[in-house]
Amino acid sequence: MNVNIVAVGPKPTQIVCPSCQATIVTRVDHKSTTKTHIIALVLCLFLCWPCVCVPYCMDSCQNADHYCPNCNSYLGTYQH
């Protein structure tokens, strides 16, 4: 199995998929990370509990996983 990880950014990117060789615009799924949870904890401790959901609603506090919309291959992750 040959794994090709592509350099990607925070937004969908136009590339040639290394798996299916199609020219595509990547599909981006945002995932919470340890950093997201730490930010939420700090907001809870020092501000107020309703602020806890803010990092989970902001893409800038989460990683951006890129996938091919044609073959669903994982292409890479942009870590904020």
PDB file of N, CA and C in Angstrom:
ATOM      1  N   MET A   1       0.854  -1.180   0.000  1.00  0.00           N
ATOM      2  CA  MET A   1       0.000   0.000   0.000  1.00  0.00           C
ATOM      3  C   MET A   1       0.896   1.237   0.000  1.00  0.00           C
ATOM      4  N   ASN A   2       0.664   2.143  -0.923  1.00  0.00           N
ATOM      5  CA  ASN A   2       1.446   3.361  -1.064  1.00  0.00           C
ATOM      6  C   ASN A   2       0.649   4.521  -0.485  1.00  0.00           C
ATOM      7  N   VAL A   3       1.175   5.195   0.541  1.00  0.00           N
ATOM      8  CA  VAL A   3       0.475   6.301   1.187  1.00  0.00           C
ATOM      9  C   VAL A   3       1.134   7.601   0.759  1.00  0.00           C
ATOM     10  N   ASN A   4       0.347   8.488   0.166  1.00  0.00           N
ATOM     11  CA  ASN A   4       0.831   9.803  -0.255  1.00  0.00           C
ATOM     12  C   ASN A   4       0.110  10.861   0.549  1.00  0.00           C
ATOM     13  N   ILE A   5       0.826  11.579   1.402  1.00  0.00           N
ATOM     14  CA  ILE A   5       0.241  12.662   2.176  1.00  0.00           C
ATOM     15  C   ILE A   5       0.571  13.964   1.439  1.00  0.00           C
ATOM     16  N   VAL A   6      -0.441  14.786   1.224  1.00  0.00           N
ATOM     17  CA  VAL A   6      -0.315  16.014   0.451  1.00  0.00           C
ATOM     18  C   VAL A   6      -0.288  17.214   1.397  1.00  0.00           C
ATOM     19  N   ALA A   7       0.550  18.221   1.089  1.00  0.00           N
ATOM     20  CA  ALA A   7       0.560  19.458   1.877  1.00  0.00           C
ATOM     21  C   ALA A   7      -0.729  20.222   1.602  1.00  0.00           C
ATOM     22  N   VAL A   8      -1.491  20.479   2.666  1.00  0.00           N
ATOM     23  CA  VAL A   8      -2.781  21.150   2.543  1.00  0.00           C
ATOM     24  C   VAL A   8      -2.873  22.289   3.547  1.00  0.00           C
ATOM     25  N   GLY A   9      -3.847  23.165   3.353  1.00  0.00           N
ATOM     26  CA  GLY A   9      -4.057  24.290   4.252  1.00  0.00           C
ATOM     27  C   GLY A   9      -5.369  24.149   5.004  1.00  0.00           C
ATOM     28  N   PRO A  10      -5.849  25.231   5.595  1.00  0.00           N
ATOM     29  CA  PRO A  10      -7.079  25.164   6.385  1.00  0.00           C
ATOM     30  C   PRO A  10      -8.357  25.110   5.546  1.00  0.00           C
ATOM     31  N   LYS A  11      -8.285  25.470   4.289  1.00  0.00           N
ATOM     32  CA  LYS A  11      -9.466  25.524   3.410  1.00  0.00           C
ATOM     33  C   LYS A  11      -9.367  24.432   2.339  1.00  0.00           C
ATOM     34  N   PRO A  12     -10.497  24.106   1.678  1.00  0.00           N
ATOM     35  CA  PRO A  12     -10.439  23.149   0.571  1.00  0.00           C
ATOM     36  C   PRO A  12      -9.417  23.587  -0.470  1.00  0.00           C
ATOM     37  N   THR A  13      -8.697  22.606  -1.013  1.00  0.00           N
ATOM     38  CA  THR A  13      -7.579  22.872  -1.912  1.00  0.00           C
ATOM     39  C   THR A  13      -7.765  22.096  -3.212  1.00  0.00           C
ATOM     40  N   GLN A  14      -7.460  22.731  -4.345  1.00  0.00           N
ATOM     41  CA  GLN A  14      -7.531  22.016  -5.615  1.00  0.00           C
ATOM     42  C   GLN A  14      -6.210  21.299  -5.841  1.00  0.00           C
ATOM     43  N   ILE A  15      -6.288  19.977  -6.017  1.00  0.00           N
ATOM     44  CA  ILE A  15      -5.098  19.152  -6.246  1.00  0.00           C
ATOM     45  C   ILE A  15      -5.465  17.997  -7.163  1.00  0.00           C
ATOM     46  N   VAL A  16      -4.444  17.240  -7.565  1.00  0.00           N
ATOM     47  CA  VAL A  16      -4.661  15.966  -8.248  1.00  0.00           C
ATOM     48  C   VAL A  16      -4.551  14.892  -7.177  1.00  0.00           C
ATOM     49  N   CYS A  17      -5.605  14.122  -6.999  1.00  0.00           N
ATOM     50  CA  CYS A  17      -5.630  13.079  -5.978  1.00  0.00           C
ATOM     51  C   CYS A  17      -4.582  12.019  -6.307  1.00  0.00           C
ATOM     52  N   PRO A  18      -3.696  11.718  -5.357  1.00  0.00           N
ATOM     53  CA  PRO A  18      -2.684  10.694  -5.611  1.00  0.00           C
ATOM     54  C   PRO A  18      -3.274   9.280  -5.755  1.00  0.00           C
ATOM     55  N   SER A  19      -4.481   9.058  -5.275  1.00  0.00           N
ATOM     56  CA  SER A  19      -5.100   7.725  -5.369  1.00  0.00           C
ATOM     57  C   SER A  19      -5.832   7.503  -6.681  1.00  0.00           C
ATOM     58  N   CYS A  20      -6.746   8.423  -7.025  1.00  0.00           N
ATOM     59  CA  CYS A  20      -7.571   8.220  -8.227  1.00  0.00           C
ATOM     60  C   CYS A  20      -7.139   9.078  -9.414  1.00  0.00           C
ATOM     61  N   GLN A  21      -6.133   9.932  -9.207  1.00  0.00           N
ATOM     62  CA  GLN A  21      -5.566  10.783 -10.260  1.00  0.00           C
ATOM     63  C   GLN A  21      -6.536  11.810 -10.839  1.00  0.00           C
ATOM     64  N   ALA A  22      -7.656  12.057 -10.160  1.00  0.00           N
ATOM     65  CA  ALA A  22      -8.621  13.063 -10.615  1.00  0.00           C
ATOM     66  C   ALA A  22      -8.216  14.430 -10.070  1.00  0.00           C
ATOM     67  N   THR A  23      -8.499  15.483 -10.829  1.00  0.00           N
ATOM     68  CA  THR A  23      -8.313  16.846 -10.341  1.00  0.00           C
ATOM     69  C   THR A  23      -9.545  17.179  -9.514  1.00  0.00           C
ATOM     70  N   ILE A  24      -9.324  17.453  -8.233  1.00  0.00           N
ATOM     71  CA  ILE A  24     -10.444  17.629  -7.299  1.00  0.00           C
ATOM     72  C   ILE A  24     -10.203  18.842  -6.404  1.00  0.00           C
ATOM     73  N   VAL A  25     -11.264  19.247  -5.727  1.00  0.00           N
ATOM     74  CA  VAL A  25     -11.172  20.194  -4.618  1.00  0.00           C
ATOM     75  C   VAL A  25     -11.438  19.350  -3.375  1.00  0.00           C
ATOM     76  N   THR A  26     -10.499  19.364  -2.442  1.00  0.00           N
ATOM     77  CA  THR A  26     -10.591  18.481  -1.280  1.00  0.00           C
ATOM     78  C   THR A  26     -11.827  18.744  -0.438  1.00  0.00           C
ATOM     79  N   ARG A  27     -12.319  17.699   0.183  1.00  0.00           N
ATOM     80  CA  ARG A  27     -13.396  17.792   1.175  1.00  0.00           C
ATOM     81  C   ARG A  27     -12.715  17.914   2.531  1.00  0.00           C
ATOM     82  N   VAL A  28     -13.120  18.898   3.326  1.00  0.00           N
ATOM     83  CA  VAL A  28     -12.475  19.154   4.612  1.00  0.00           C
ATOM     84  C   VAL A  28     -13.419  18.782   5.749  1.00  0.00           C
ATOM     85  N   ASP A  29     -12.918  17.968   6.671  1.00  0.00           N
ATOM     86  CA  ASP A  29     -13.631  17.634   7.906  1.00  0.00           C
ATOM     87  C   ASP A  29     -12.824  18.201   9.060  1.00  0.00           C
ATOM     88  N   HIS A  30     -13.456  19.002   9.900  1.00  0.00           N
ATOM     89  CA  HIS A  30     -12.763  19.590  11.050  1.00  0.00           C
ATOM     90  C   HIS A  30     -12.939  18.674  12.256  1.00  0.00           C
ATOM     91  N   LYS A  31     -11.833  18.417  12.949  1.00  0.00           N
ATOM     92  CA  LYS A  31     -11.831  17.514  14.097  1.00  0.00           C
ATOM     93  C   LYS A  31     -11.272  18.226  15.322  1.00  0.00           C
ATOM     94  N   SER A  32     -11.924  18.029  16.448  1.00  0.00           N
ATOM     95  CA  SER A  32     -11.434  18.571  17.714  1.00  0.00           C
ATOM     96  C   SER A  32     -10.150  17.854  18.117  1.00  0.00           C
ATOM     97  N   THR A  33      -9.261  18.588  18.757  1.00  0.00           N
ATOM     98  CA  THR A  33      -7.982  18.036  19.198  1.00  0.00           C
ATOM     99  C   THR A  33      -7.815  18.290  20.693  1.00  0.00           C
ATOM    100  N   THR A  34      -6.711  17.855  21.228  1.00  0.00           N
ATOM    101  CA  THR A  34      -6.402  18.126  22.627  1.00  0.00           C
ATOM    102  C   THR A  34      -6.359  19.628  22.867  1.00  0.00           C
ATOM    103  N   LYS A  35      -5.815  20.370  21.902  1.00  0.00           N
ATOM    104  CA  LYS A  35      -5.762  21.833  22.024  1.00  0.00           C
ATOM    105  C   LYS A  35      -7.166  22.420  22.147  1.00  0.00           C
ATOM    106  N   THR A  36      -8.110  21.899  21.393  1.00  0.00           N
ATOM    107  CA  THR A  36      -9.499  22.358  21.461  1.00  0.00           C
ATOM    108  C   THR A  36     -10.058  22.158  22.861  1.00  0.00           C
ATOM    109  N   HIS A  37      -9.802  20.994  23.441  1.00  0.00           N
ATOM    110  CA  HIS A  37     -10.317  20.678  24.771  1.00  0.00           C
ATOM    111  C   HIS A  37      -9.656  21.549  25.848  1.00  0.00           C
ATOM    112  N   ILE A  38      -8.367  21.821  25.687  1.00  0.00           N
ATOM    113  CA  ILE A  38      -7.663  22.676  26.654  1.00  0.00           C
ATOM    114  C   ILE A  38      -8.201  24.103  26.608  1.00  0.00           C
ATOM    115  N   ILE A  39      -8.431  24.622  25.409  1.00  0.00           N
ATOM    116  CA  ILE A  39      -8.998  25.967  25.277  1.00  0.00           C
ATOM    117  C   ILE A  39     -10.371  26.025  25.943  1.00  0.00           C
ATOM    118  N   ALA A  40     -11.186  24.997  25.734  1.00  0.00           N
ATOM    119  CA  ALA A  40     -12.519  24.950  26.350  1.00  0.00           C
ATOM    120  C   ALA A  40     -12.407  24.918  27.874  1.00  0.00           C
ATOM    121  N   LEU A  41     -11.459  24.159  28.399  1.00  0.00           N
ATOM    122  CA  LEU A  41     -11.253  24.087  29.849  1.00  0.00           C
ATOM    123  C   LEU A  41     -10.832  25.436  30.419  1.00  0.00           C
ATOM    124  N   VAL A  42      -9.911  26.109  29.738  1.00  0.00           N
ATOM    125  CA  VAL A  42      -9.463  27.431  30.194  1.00  0.00           C
ATOM    126  C   VAL A  42     -10.622  28.421  30.180  1.00  0.00           C
ATOM    127  N   LEU A  43     -11.426  28.398  29.133  1.00  0.00           N
ATOM    128  CA  LEU A  43     -12.593  29.285  29.071  1.00  0.00           C
ATOM    129  C   LEU A  43     -13.567  28.992  30.209  1.00  0.00           C
ATOM    130  N   CYS A  44     -13.737  27.721  30.505  1.00  0.00           N
ATOM    131  CA  CYS A  44     -14.651  27.337  31.596  1.00  0.00           C
ATOM    132  C   CYS A  44     -14.131  27.820  32.946  1.00  0.00           C
ATOM    133  N   LEU A  45     -12.836  27.679  33.171  1.00  0.00           N
ATOM    134  CA  LEU A  45     -12.252  28.037  34.469  1.00  0.00           C
ATOM    135  C   LEU A  45     -12.166  29.540  34.690  1.00  0.00           C
ATOM    136  N   PHE A  46     -11.842  30.293  33.644  1.00  0.00           N
ATOM    137  CA  PHE A  46     -11.558  31.711  33.821  1.00  0.00           C
ATOM    138  C   PHE A  46     -12.644  32.659  33.321  1.00  0.00           C
ATOM    139  N   LEU A  47     -13.552  32.188  32.519  1.00  0.00           N
ATOM    140  CA  LEU A  47     -14.630  33.064  32.038  1.00  0.00           C
ATOM    141  C   LEU A  47     -15.959  32.554  32.584  1.00  0.00           C
ATOM    142  N   CYS A  48     -16.677  31.855  31.774  1.00  0.00           N
ATOM    143  CA  CYS A  48     -17.946  31.299  32.234  1.00  0.00           C
ATOM    144  C   CYS A  48     -18.248  30.039  31.433  1.00  0.00           C
ATOM    145  N   TRP A  49     -19.067  29.169  31.984  1.00  0.00           N
ATOM    146  CA  TRP A  49     -19.309  27.881  31.344  1.00  0.00           C
ATOM    147  C   TRP A  49     -19.955  27.964  29.962  1.00  0.00           C
ATOM    148  N   PRO A  50     -20.800  28.983  29.624  1.00  0.00           N
ATOM    149  CA  PRO A  50     -21.341  29.008  28.254  1.00  0.00           C
ATOM    150  C   PRO A  50     -20.270  29.199  27.177  1.00  0.00           C
ATOM    151  N   CYS A  51     -19.117  29.747  27.555  1.00  0.00           N
ATOM    152  CA  CYS A  51     -18.030  29.960  26.593  1.00  0.00           C
ATOM    153  C   CYS A  51     -17.337  28.662  26.193  1.00  0.00           C
ATOM    154  N   VAL A  52     -17.619  27.584  26.901  1.00  0.00           N
ATOM    155  CA  VAL A  52     -16.962  26.303  26.640  1.00  0.00           C
ATOM    156  C   VAL A  52     -17.205  25.827  25.209  1.00  0.00           C
ATOM    157  N   CYS A  53     -18.351  26.097  24.635  1.00  0.00           N
ATOM    158  CA  CYS A  53     -18.673  25.593  23.302  1.00  0.00           C
ATOM    159  C   CYS A  53     -18.004  26.382  22.177  1.00  0.00           C
ATOM    160  N   VAL A  54     -17.452  27.542  22.472  1.00  0.00           N
ATOM    161  CA  VAL A  54     -16.847  28.383  21.433  1.00  0.00           C
ATOM    162  C   VAL A  54     -15.749  27.655  20.645  1.00  0.00           C
ATOM    163  N   PRO A  55     -14.761  27.007  21.278  1.00  0.00           N
ATOM    164  CA  PRO A  55     -13.713  26.350  20.486  1.00  0.00           C
ATOM    165  C   PRO A  55     -14.234  25.209  19.607  1.00  0.00           C
ATOM    166  N   TYR A  56     -15.350  24.610  19.987  1.00  0.00           N
ATOM    167  CA  TYR A  56     -15.910  23.516  19.188  1.00  0.00           C
ATOM    168  C   TYR A  56     -16.685  24.033  17.972  1.00  0.00           C
ATOM    169  N   CYS A  57     -16.989  25.321  17.968  1.00  0.00           N
ATOM    170  CA  CYS A  57     -17.706  25.942  16.846  1.00  0.00           C
ATOM    171  C   CYS A  57     -16.768  26.664  15.885  1.00  0.00           C
ATOM    172  N   MET A  58     -15.527  26.849  16.288  1.00  0.00           N
ATOM    173  CA  MET A  58     -14.566  27.599  15.478  1.00  0.00           C
ATOM    174  C   MET A  58     -13.601  26.643  14.772  1.00  0.00           C
ATOM    175  N   ASP A  59     -13.548  26.731  13.443  1.00  0.00           N
ATOM    176  CA  ASP A  59     -12.637  25.885  12.682  1.00  0.00           C
ATOM    177  C   ASP A  59     -11.178  26.142  13.043  1.00  0.00           C
ATOM    178  N   SER A  60     -10.856  27.367  13.456  1.00  0.00           N
ATOM    179  CA  SER A  60      -9.470  27.710  13.769  1.00  0.00           C
ATOM    180  C   SER A  60      -8.949  27.016  15.024  1.00  0.00           C
ATOM    181  N   CYS A  61      -9.820  26.404  15.806  1.00  0.00           N
ATOM    182  CA  CYS A  61      -9.415  25.666  17.012  1.00  0.00           C
ATOM    183  C   CYS A  61      -9.396  24.161  16.762  1.00  0.00           C
ATOM    184  N   GLN A  62      -9.563  23.751  15.511  1.00  0.00           N
ATOM    185  CA  GLN A  62      -9.639  22.328  15.181  1.00  0.00           C
ATOM    186  C   GLN A  62      -8.718  22.021  14.002  1.00  0.00           C
ATOM    187  N   ASN A  63      -8.337  20.764  13.861  1.00  0.00           N
ATOM    188  CA  ASN A  63      -7.548  20.340  12.709  1.00  0.00           C
ATOM    189  C   ASN A  63      -8.456  20.200  11.494  1.00  0.00           C
ATOM    190  N   ALA A  64      -7.886  20.402  10.312  1.00  0.00           N
ATOM    191  CA  ALA A  64      -8.627  20.248   9.059  1.00  0.00           C
ATOM    192  C   ALA A  64      -8.105  19.004   8.338  1.00  0.00           C
ATOM    193  N   ASP A  65      -8.903  17.935   8.329  1.00  0.00           N
ATOM    194  CA  ASP A  65      -8.552  16.707   7.618  1.00  0.00           C
ATOM    195  C   ASP A  65      -9.098  16.805   6.199  1.00  0.00           C
ATOM    196  N   HIS A  66      -8.232  16.560   5.204  1.00  0.00           N
ATOM    197  CA  HIS A  66      -8.613  16.664   3.794  1.00  0.00           C
ATOM    198  C   HIS A  66      -8.792  15.270   3.190  1.00  0.00           C
ATOM    199  N   TYR A  67      -9.889  15.124   2.418  1.00  0.00           N
ATOM    200  CA  TYR A  67     -10.210  13.864   1.757  1.00  0.00           C
ATOM    201  C   TYR A  67     -10.572  14.130   0.304  1.00  0.00           C
ATOM    202  N   CYS A  68     -10.389  13.127  -0.541  1.00  0.00           N
ATOM    203  CA  CYS A  68     -10.820  13.208  -1.938  1.00  0.00           C
ATOM    204  C   CYS A  68     -12.326  12.970  -1.986  1.00  0.00           C
ATOM    205  N   PRO A  69     -13.090  13.862  -2.633  1.00  0.00           N
ATOM    206  CA  PRO A  69     -14.542  13.650  -2.721  1.00  0.00           C
ATOM    207  C   PRO A  69     -14.922  12.506  -3.672  1.00  0.00           C
ATOM    208  N   ASN A  70     -13.993  12.105  -4.560  1.00  0.00           N
ATOM    209  CA  ASN A  70     -14.284  11.011  -5.503  1.00  0.00           C
ATOM    210  C   ASN A  70     -14.060   9.636  -4.892  1.00  0.00           C
ATOM    211  N   CYS A  71     -12.873   9.430  -4.292  1.00  0.00           N
ATOM    212  CA  CYS A  71     -12.524   8.091  -3.801  1.00  0.00           C
ATOM    213  C   CYS A  71     -12.426   8.021  -2.278  1.00  0.00           C
ATOM    214  N   ASN A  72     -12.680   9.145  -1.595  1.00  0.00           N
ATOM    215  CA  ASN A  72     -12.646   9.234  -0.129  1.00  0.00           C
ATOM    216  C   ASN A  72     -11.282   8.934   0.484  1.00  0.00           C
ATOM    217  N   SER A  73     -10.214   9.043  -0.283  1.00  0.00           N
ATOM    218  CA  SER A  73      -8.874   8.826   0.252  1.00  0.00           C
ATOM    219  C   SER A  73      -8.485   9.979   1.159  1.00  0.00           C
ATOM    220  N   TYR A  74      -7.806   9.632   2.252  1.00  0.00           N
ATOM    221  CA  TYR A  74      -7.244  10.649   3.156  1.00  0.00           C
ATOM    222  C   TYR A  74      -6.060  11.280   2.454  1.00  0.00           C
ATOM    223  N   LEU A  75      -6.022  12.614   2.416  1.00  0.00           N
ATOM    224  CA  LEU A  75      -4.961  13.316   1.696  1.00  0.00           C
ATOM    225  C   LEU A  75      -3.982  14.038   2.618  1.00  0.00           C
ATOM    226  N   GLY A  76      -4.422  14.425   3.799  1.00  0.00           N
ATOM    227  CA  GLY A  76      -3.527  15.111   4.719  1.00  0.00           C
ATOM    228  C   GLY A  76      -4.308  15.908   5.751  1.00  0.00           C
ATOM    229  N   THR A  77      -3.579  16.435   6.732  1.00  0.00           N
ATOM    230  CA  THR A  77      -4.185  17.224   7.811  1.00  0.00           C
ATOM    231  C   THR A  77      -3.461  18.539   7.952  1.00  0.00           C
ATOM    232  N   TYR A  78      -4.227  19.603   8.088  1.00  0.00           N
ATOM    233  CA  TYR A  78      -3.663  20.909   8.445  1.00  0.00           C
ATOM    234  C   TYR A  78      -3.921  21.099   9.926  1.00  0.00           C
ATOM    235  N   GLN A  79      -2.829  21.266  10.683  1.00  0.00           N
ATOM    236  CA  GLN A  79      -2.959  21.447  12.126  1.00  0.00           C
ATOM    237  C   GLN A  79      -2.842  22.923  12.451  1.00  0.00           C
ATOM    238  N   HIS A  80      -3.843  23.444  13.129  1.00  0.00           N
ATOM    239  CA  HIS A  80      -3.845  24.859  13.525  1.00  0.00           C
ATOM    240  C   HIS A  80      -2.970  25.062  14.713  1.00  0.00           C
TER     241      HIS A  80
END
